Amino acid sequence: MTLDPAAFKPLTDVLAAEGLVTALVLVGMITWGAEAVARHLLRGRVPGSVVAILAGLALAWWGGTVSGGTRGAAGIPWLAGLGLLGGATLRDLAIVATAFGIRPAELAGAGAAGVVGLITGLVVAFALGGVSAYACGYRDPVAVTTIAAGAATYIVGPVTGSALGAGADVIAVAFAAGVIKAILVMLLTPLVARSIGLDNPRAAAVYGGLMGTNSGVVGGLAATDPALVPYGALTATFYTGLGCLVGPSIVHGVVRLLLG
């Protein structure tokens, strides 16, 4: 039995006309389904956010294959709203909205240890990312800086790459590096929490600054102890914002000095 694509045209026309609504509903369904899979099939061993990320990557791969383009699922006309929902405008709006929710008193409560963890985490992430990019054969300062920023988070990488005018392939590498880091942090945090003393708000604040990736830290801490999530998320949020500031400026300047 072969399905006739023309039979679905009225439906796809409606979905395409309401692209952003379609994207919101689809992302909501993926999130709901991922939480159900994580809770009932995986019995909480893997966070729902990890399942949702993997489902999103699979959807992007399928969409890119079907459409034959470079925009992933957004290349399919009736899923074009995903490009807007995940685009730069709403992404930057989400970052700014998150930053407005931060209370200075809570940051001060994290103490000097949180600030030291934040700076240390950024320096180590940029250094490891830059060295990895160089080892993989990249010599262009823009490419090395972008991939180094991707090692910080999958938000810092694309923001830095866009600011510096990096190519789409380099930005994709930076994004992939950040996604892999987020998944690893989500998966490994509950496994190592006890051995590294991650059982109090102070440790959670330092951990958030060291790891940086907000979704990874939040998912990992939620699987460890939900009460620790706000403390880790606070410094992880600052990590992303600070990374977006220093990536295209200070880090790019240092890379240019080193590579000429």
Foldseek 3Di string as FASTA:
>chain_A
DDDDVVVCVVVLVVLLVVQQVNQVVVLVVLLVVLCVCCCPVVVVLAFSVLSSVVVVVVQQVVLCVVLVDDRGVCSPNSNVSNCVCPDDPVVVVVLVVVVVPDDVVLVVVLPPLLVVLQVQQLVVQLVVQLVVCVVVPDQDLLLSLLSSLLSQALLLNLLLNVVVVHDPVSNVNSNVNRSVLLSCLLNCLQVCCVVVVVDDQNSLSSVLSNSLYLNSSQNNVVSNPNVNNVNSNNNSSVSSVVSNVCSNPVSSVVSVVVSD
